[in-house]
Amino acid sequence: MEDKKRRLLARQDPASAPPASAPDRQKAPTRVRPLSRLSVGWRIGATAIALVILTCGQLLNTNDFFPLGSLTQYATAKDLNGTVNSTCIAAQFPGEDEPRRLGFNTATVGIERGDVESQLDRVIAHPELLQSLADSYVRLHPDEPEPEEMILCRTTTQLKNGLSVGEPELTELATWEVR
């Protein structure tokens, strides 16, 4: 058993090892080859690049470098009696009285919610950016009516002991009349 462990640890080919039934033979120590400079260099280089990307993601507070982006979402625990905010998108269609809430994903408006949330301040400051969501909706749903207005909204849900209490509060963050 000891011979087998030694072969595994030394990466010795079992065929080149002396038979276990030859205790009188002197066992030559196996020599482990060190990594070449090229092998060491690319490992250090890859590690350095990953650390630079992770650092940039942290300093810029962006998820553009996923999975090496900002890790702030994991930094703090949620208050079990606090609130949960969720960004949403709605559209006003012709002939409808109320805006219709749309799925915030690539299949519906061509972009994921997290990609908009990471630039939320920019979208609120420049609501014309919602035009691209309307254009994507029209392109992805050619048989559906075209939206007249896009509404970026946020739902705020109150928590009590980690469970939602009451109806979520809806707040309009930005609106854009589709062209």
C-alpha atoms as a PDB file:
ATOM      1  CA  MET A   1       0.000   0.000   0.000  1.00  0.00           C
ATOM      2  CA  GLU A   2       2.835   2.406   0.818  1.00  0.00           C
ATOM      3  CA  ASP A   3       4.396   1.695  -2.568  1.00  0.00           C
ATOM      4  CA  LYS A   4       1.129   2.597  -4.302  1.00  0.00           C
ATOM      5  CA  LYS A   5       0.837   5.882  -2.366  1.00  0.00           C
ATOM      6  CA  ARG A   6       4.423   6.777  -3.190  1.00  0.00           C
ATOM      7  CA  ARG A   7       3.850   6.117  -6.912  1.00  0.00           C
ATOM      8  CA  LEU A   8       0.710   8.276  -6.891  1.00  0.00           C
ATOM      9  CA  LEU A   9       2.401  11.132  -5.076  1.00  0.00           C
ATOM     10  CA  ALA A  10       5.524  10.971  -7.231  1.00  0.00           C
ATOM     11  CA  ARG A  11       3.564  10.559 -10.485  1.00  0.00           C
ATOM     12  CA  GLN A  12       5.597   7.486 -11.227  1.00  0.00           C
ATOM     13  CA  ASP A  13       4.446   5.210 -13.993  1.00  0.00           C
ATOM     14  CA  PRO A  14       3.420   1.883 -12.392  1.00  0.00           C
ATOM     15  CA  ALA A  15       5.097  -0.061 -15.209  1.00  0.00           C
ATOM     16  CA  SER A  16       8.480   1.538 -14.456  1.00  0.00           C
ATOM     17  CA  ALA A  17       8.222   0.954 -10.714  1.00  0.00           C
ATOM     18  CA  PRO A  18      10.014  -2.036  -9.230  1.00  0.00           C
ATOM     19  CA  PRO A  19       7.699  -4.876  -8.243  1.00  0.00           C
ATOM     20  CA  ALA A  20       6.433  -4.813  -4.682  1.00  0.00           C
ATOM     21  CA  SER A  21       7.819  -8.317  -4.136  1.00  0.00           C
ATOM     22  CA  ALA A  22      11.436  -7.132  -4.521  1.00  0.00           C
ATOM     23  CA  PRO A  23      12.218  -5.639  -1.097  1.00  0.00           C
ATOM     24  CA  ASP A  24      15.959  -6.161  -1.533  1.00  0.00           C
ATOM     25  CA  ARG A  25      16.186  -3.743  -4.469  1.00  0.00           C
ATOM     26  CA  GLN A  26      17.075  -0.162  -3.675  1.00  0.00           C
ATOM     27  CA  LYS A  27      14.252   2.103  -4.871  1.00  0.00           C
ATOM     28  CA  ALA A  28      15.548   5.069  -6.780  1.00  0.00           C
ATOM     29  CA  PRO A  29      13.764   8.309  -5.920  1.00  0.00           C
ATOM     30  CA  THR A  30      11.647   9.599  -8.776  1.00  0.00           C
ATOM     31  CA  ARG A  31      12.428  13.006 -10.065  1.00  0.00           C
ATOM     32  CA  VAL A  32       9.579  15.464 -10.534  1.00  0.00           C
ATOM     33  CA  ARG A  33      10.085  17.871 -13.417  1.00  0.00           C
ATOM     34  CA  PRO A  34       9.476  21.517 -12.508  1.00  0.00           C
ATOM     35  CA  LEU A  35       7.167  23.634 -14.649  1.00  0.00           C
ATOM     36  CA  SER A  36       8.748  25.346 -17.616  1.00  0.00           C
ATOM     37  CA  ARG A  37       9.124  29.123 -17.668  1.00  0.00           C
ATOM     38  CA  LEU A  38       6.359  29.332 -20.248  1.00  0.00           C
ATOM     39  CA  SER A  39       3.971  27.332 -18.023  1.00  0.00           C
ATOM     40  CA  VAL A  40       4.727  29.483 -15.004  1.00  0.00           C
ATOM     41  CA  GLY A  41       4.491  32.667 -17.090  1.00  0.00           C
ATOM     42  CA  TRP A  42       1.040  32.043 -18.550  1.00  0.00           C
ATOM     43  CA  ARG A  43      -0.325  31.031 -15.133  1.00  0.00           C
ATOM     44  CA  ILE A  44       0.979  34.212 -13.527  1.00  0.00           C
ATOM     45  CA  GLY A  45      -0.236  36.278 -16.495  1.00  0.00           C
ATOM     46  CA  ALA A  46      -3.760  34.804 -16.391  1.00  0.00           C
ATOM     47  CA  THR A  47      -3.962  35.396 -12.643  1.00  0.00           C
ATOM     48  CA  ALA A  48      -2.753  38.992 -13.020  1.00  0.00           C
ATOM     49  CA  ILE A  49      -5.305  39.714 -15.777  1.00  0.00           C
ATOM     50  CA  ALA A  50      -8.142  38.270 -13.670  1.00  0.00           C
ATOM     51  CA  LEU A  51      -7.100  40.415 -10.687  1.00  0.00           C
ATOM     52  CA  VAL A  52      -6.923  43.571 -12.839  1.00  0.00           C
ATOM     53  CA  ILE A  53     -10.423  42.899 -14.254  1.00  0.00           C
ATOM     54  CA  LEU A  54     -11.807  42.201 -10.770  1.00  0.00           C
ATOM     55  CA  THR A  55     -10.241  45.396  -9.412  1.00  0.00           C
ATOM     56  CA  CYS A  56     -11.604  47.489 -12.315  1.00  0.00           C
ATOM     57  CA  GLY A  57     -15.060  45.985 -11.793  1.00  0.00           C
ATOM     58  CA  GLN A  58     -14.942  46.933  -8.131  1.00  0.00           C
ATOM     59  CA  LEU A  59     -13.656  50.469  -8.704  1.00  0.00           C
ATOM     60  CA  LEU A  60     -16.123  51.175 -11.534  1.00  0.00           C
ATOM     61  CA  ASN A  61     -18.955  49.354  -9.721  1.00  0.00           C
ATOM     62  CA  THR A  62     -20.032  47.599 -12.908  1.00  0.00           C
ATOM     63  CA  ASN A  63     -21.116  44.110 -13.879  1.00  0.00           C
ATOM     64  CA  ASP A  64     -19.856  44.525 -17.446  1.00  0.00           C
ATOM     65  CA  PHE A  65     -16.948  42.200 -16.646  1.00  0.00           C
ATOM     66  CA  PHE A  66     -19.131  39.386 -15.264  1.00  0.00           C
ATOM     67  CA  PRO A  67     -18.202  37.146 -13.477  1.00  0.00           C
ATOM     68  CA  LEU A  68     -15.324  39.408 -12.450  1.00  0.00           C
ATOM     69  CA  GLY A  69     -17.463  42.509 -12.014  1.00  0.00           C
ATOM     70  CA  SER A  70     -18.694  44.288  -8.947  1.00  0.00           C
ATOM     71  CA  LEU A  71     -19.286  42.059  -5.958  1.00  0.00           C
ATOM     72  CA  THR A  72     -21.331  44.621  -4.009  1.00  0.00           C
ATOM     73  CA  GLN A  73     -24.463  42.486  -4.307  1.00  0.00           C
ATOM     74  CA  TYR A  74     -22.803  40.012  -1.948  1.00  0.00           C
ATOM     75  CA  ALA A  75     -21.332  42.596   0.419  1.00  0.00           C
ATOM     76  CA  THR A  76     -24.187  43.120   2.866  1.00  0.00           C
ATOM     77  CA  ALA A  77     -27.106  41.168   4.247  1.00  0.00           C
ATOM     78  CA  LYS A  78     -30.653  42.332   3.576  1.00  0.00           C
ATOM     79  CA  ASP A  79     -32.720  43.670   6.433  1.00  0.00           C
ATOM     80  CA  LEU A  80     -35.520  41.163   7.048  1.00  0.00           C
ATOM     81  CA  ASN A  81     -37.802  44.079   7.948  1.00  0.00           C
ATOM     82  CA  GLY A  82     -36.614  46.398   5.164  1.00  0.00           C
ATOM     83  CA  THR A  83     -37.677  46.867   1.561  1.00  0.00           C
ATOM     84  CA  VAL A  84     -36.858  45.159  -1.735  1.00  0.00           C
ATOM     85  CA  ASN A  85     -36.660  47.259  -4.899  1.00  0.00           C
ATOM     86  CA  SER A  86     -37.133  45.747  -8.335  1.00  0.00           C
ATOM     87  CA  THR A  87     -36.848  47.625 -11.620  1.00  0.00           C
ATOM     88  CA  CYS A  88     -39.596  46.949 -14.166  1.00  0.00           C
ATOM     89  CA  ILE A  89     -40.604  48.039 -17.641  1.00  0.00           C
ATOM     90  CA  ALA A  90     -44.114  48.805 -18.884  1.00  0.00           C
ATOM     91  CA  ALA A  91     -45.527  50.005 -22.167  1.00  0.00           C
ATOM     92  CA  GLN A  92     -48.650  51.912 -23.135  1.00  0.00           C
ATOM     93  CA  PHE A  93     -50.203  50.324 -26.210  1.00  0.00           C
ATOM     94  CA  PRO A  94     -52.798  51.890 -28.528  1.00  0.00           C
ATOM     95  CA  GLY A  95     -56.380  51.294 -27.409  1.00  0.00           C
ATOM     96  CA  GLU A  96     -55.409  50.164 -23.896  1.00  0.00           C
ATOM     97  CA  ASP A  97     -56.363  52.190 -20.819  1.00  0.00           C
ATOM     98  CA  GLU A  98     -53.528  51.056 -18.544  1.00  0.00           C
ATOM     99  CA  PRO A  99     -49.858  50.458 -19.320  1.00  0.00           C
ATOM    100  CA  ARG A 100     -48.991  46.789 -19.705  1.00  0.00           C
ATOM    101  CA  ARG A 101     -46.066  45.450 -17.733  1.00  0.00           C
ATOM    102  CA  LEU A 102     -43.518  43.672 -19.932  1.00  0.00           C
ATOM    103  CA  GLY A 103     -41.048  40.949 -19.080  1.00  0.00           C
ATOM    104  CA  PHE A 104     -37.661  42.539 -18.497  1.00  0.00           C
ATOM    105  CA  ASN A 105     -35.534  40.047 -20.435  1.00  0.00           C
ATOM    106  CA  THR A 106     -33.822  39.531 -23.784  1.00  0.00           C
ATOM    107  CA  ALA A 107     -36.821  37.699 -25.264  1.00  0.00           C
ATOM    108  CA  THR A 108     -39.192  40.624 -24.603  1.00  0.00           C
ATOM    109  CA  VAL A 109     -37.225  43.894 -24.772  1.00  0.00           C
ATOM    110  CA  GLY A 110     -33.806  42.691 -25.906  1.00  0.00           C
ATOM    111  CA  ILE A 111     -31.938  43.330 -22.650  1.00  0.00           C
ATOM    112  CA  GLU A 112     -31.798  41.888 -19.146  1.00  0.00           C
ATOM    113  CA  ARG A 113     -33.030  43.843 -16.144  1.00  0.00           C
ATOM    114  CA  GLY A 114     -29.628  43.769 -14.448  1.00  0.00           C
ATOM    115  CA  ASP A 115     -28.013  45.467 -17.456  1.00  0.00           C
ATOM    116  CA  VAL A 116     -30.431  48.388 -17.118  1.00  0.00           C
ATOM    117  CA  GLU A 117     -30.196  48.461 -13.303  1.00  0.00           C
ATOM    118  CA  SER A 118     -26.419  48.836 -13.515  1.00  0.00           C
ATOM    119  CA  GLN A 119     -26.983  52.049 -15.543  1.00  0.00           C
ATOM    120  CA  LEU A 120     -30.207  53.167 -13.887  1.00  0.00           C
ATOM    121  CA  ASP A 121     -29.059  56.731 -13.127  1.00  0.00           C
ATOM    122  CA  ARG A 122     -28.025  57.180 -16.753  1.00  0.00           C
ATOM    123  CA  VAL A 123     -31.358  55.898 -18.095  1.00  0.00           C
ATOM    124  CA  ILE A 124     -33.329  58.120 -15.706  1.00  0.00           C
ATOM    125  CA  ALA A 125     -31.247  61.149 -16.773  1.00  0.00           C
ATOM    126  CA  HIS A 126     -31.675  60.275 -20.473  1.00  0.00           C
ATOM    127  CA  PRO A 127     -35.092  58.633 -20.929  1.00  0.00           C
ATOM    128  CA  GLU A 128     -34.530  58.605 -24.711  1.00  0.00           C
ATOM    129  CA  LEU A 129     -32.521  55.440 -24.062  1.00  0.00           C
ATOM    130  CA  LEU A 130     -35.884  53.694 -23.589  1.00  0.00           C
ATOM    131  CA  GLN A 131     -36.393  54.091 -27.361  1.00  0.00           C
ATOM    132  CA  SER A 132     -33.997  51.191 -27.938  1.00  0.00           C
ATOM    133  CA  LEU A 133     -36.161  48.987 -25.691  1.00  0.00           C
ATOM    134  CA  ALA A 134     -39.227  49.946 -27.724  1.00  0.00           C
ATOM    135  CA  ASP A 135     -37.380  49.234 -30.976  1.00  0.00           C
ATOM    136  CA  SER A 136     -36.288  45.841 -29.656  1.00  0.00           C
ATOM    137  CA  TYR A 137     -39.825  45.028 -28.546  1.00  0.00           C
ATOM    138  CA  VAL A 138     -41.164  45.828 -32.032  1.00  0.00           C
ATOM    139  CA  ARG A 139     -38.414  43.766 -33.682  1.00  0.00           C
ATOM    140  CA  LEU A 140     -38.940  40.787 -31.351  1.00  0.00           C
ATOM    141  CA  HIS A 141     -42.771  40.919 -31.540  1.00  0.00           C
ATOM    142  CA  PRO A 142     -43.671  41.821 -35.152  1.00  0.00           C
ATOM    143  CA  ASP A 143     -47.273  40.573 -34.744  1.00  0.00           C
ATOM    144  CA  GLU A 144     -47.937  42.693 -31.640  1.00  0.00           C
ATOM    145  CA  PRO A 145     -49.025  46.360 -31.680  1.00  0.00           C
ATOM    146  CA  GLU A 146     -46.219  48.898 -31.342  1.00  0.00           C
ATOM    147  CA  PRO A 147     -45.964  50.656 -27.958  1.00  0.00           C
ATOM    148  CA  GLU A 148     -46.784  54.363 -27.777  1.00  0.00           C
ATOM    149  CA  GLU A 149     -44.909  55.016 -24.551  1.00  0.00           C
ATOM    150  CA  MET A 150     -42.235  53.150 -22.571  1.00  0.00           C
ATOM    151  CA  ILE A 151     -42.233  53.449 -18.785  1.00  0.00           C
ATOM    152  CA  LEU A 152     -39.302  52.523 -16.576  1.00  0.00           C
ATOM    153  CA  CYS A 153     -40.654  51.768 -13.115  1.00  0.00           C
ATOM    154  CA  ARG A 154     -39.672  50.348  -9.756  1.00  0.00           C
ATOM    155  CA  THR A 155     -41.677  48.184  -7.403  1.00  0.00           C
ATOM    156  CA  THR A 156     -40.904  48.495  -3.718  1.00  0.00           C
ATOM    157  CA  THR A 157     -41.979  45.605  -1.526  1.00  0.00           C
ATOM    158  CA  GLN A 158     -42.046  45.942   2.257  1.00  0.00           C
ATOM    159  CA  LEU A 159     -40.699  42.984   4.217  1.00  0.00           C
ATOM    160  CA  LYS A 160     -41.606  41.800   7.680  1.00  0.00           C
ATOM    161  CA  ASN A 161     -39.521  38.916   9.039  1.00  0.00           C
ATOM    162  CA  GLY A 162     -38.328  38.284   5.495  1.00  0.00           C
ATOM    163  CA  LEU A 163     -41.837  37.940   4.019  1.00  0.00           C
ATOM    164  CA  SER A 164     -43.607  40.468   1.794  1.00  0.00           C
ATOM    165  CA  VAL A 165     -46.329  42.500   3.460  1.00  0.00           C
ATOM    166  CA  GLY A 166     -49.109  44.199   1.511  1.00  0.00           C
ATOM    167  CA  GLU A 167     -49.065  45.237  -2.119  1.00  0.00           C
ATOM    168  CA  PRO A 168     -45.835  46.442  -3.739  1.00  0.00           C
ATOM    169  CA  GLU A 169     -45.616  50.198  -4.317  1.00  0.00           C
ATOM    170  CA  LEU A 170     -45.096  51.170  -7.978  1.00  0.00           C
ATOM    171  CA  THR A 171     -42.986  54.242  -8.809  1.00  0.00           C
ATOM    172  CA  GLU A 172     -42.388  55.637 -12.308  1.00  0.00           C
ATOM    173  CA  LEU A 173     -38.702  56.424 -12.812  1.00  0.00           C
ATOM    174  CA  ALA A 174     -38.765  57.589 -16.436  1.00  0.00           C
ATOM    175  CA  THR A 175     -41.140  57.705 -19.395  1.00  0.00           C
ATOM    176  CA  TRP A 176     -40.474  58.033 -23.095  1.00  0.00           C
ATOM    177  CA  GLU A 177     -42.893  58.682 -25.938  1.00  0.00           C
ATOM    178  CA  VAL A 178     -41.949  56.173 -28.636  1.00  0.00           C
ATOM    179  CA  ARG A 179     -41.096  57.571 -32.065  1.00  0.00           C
END
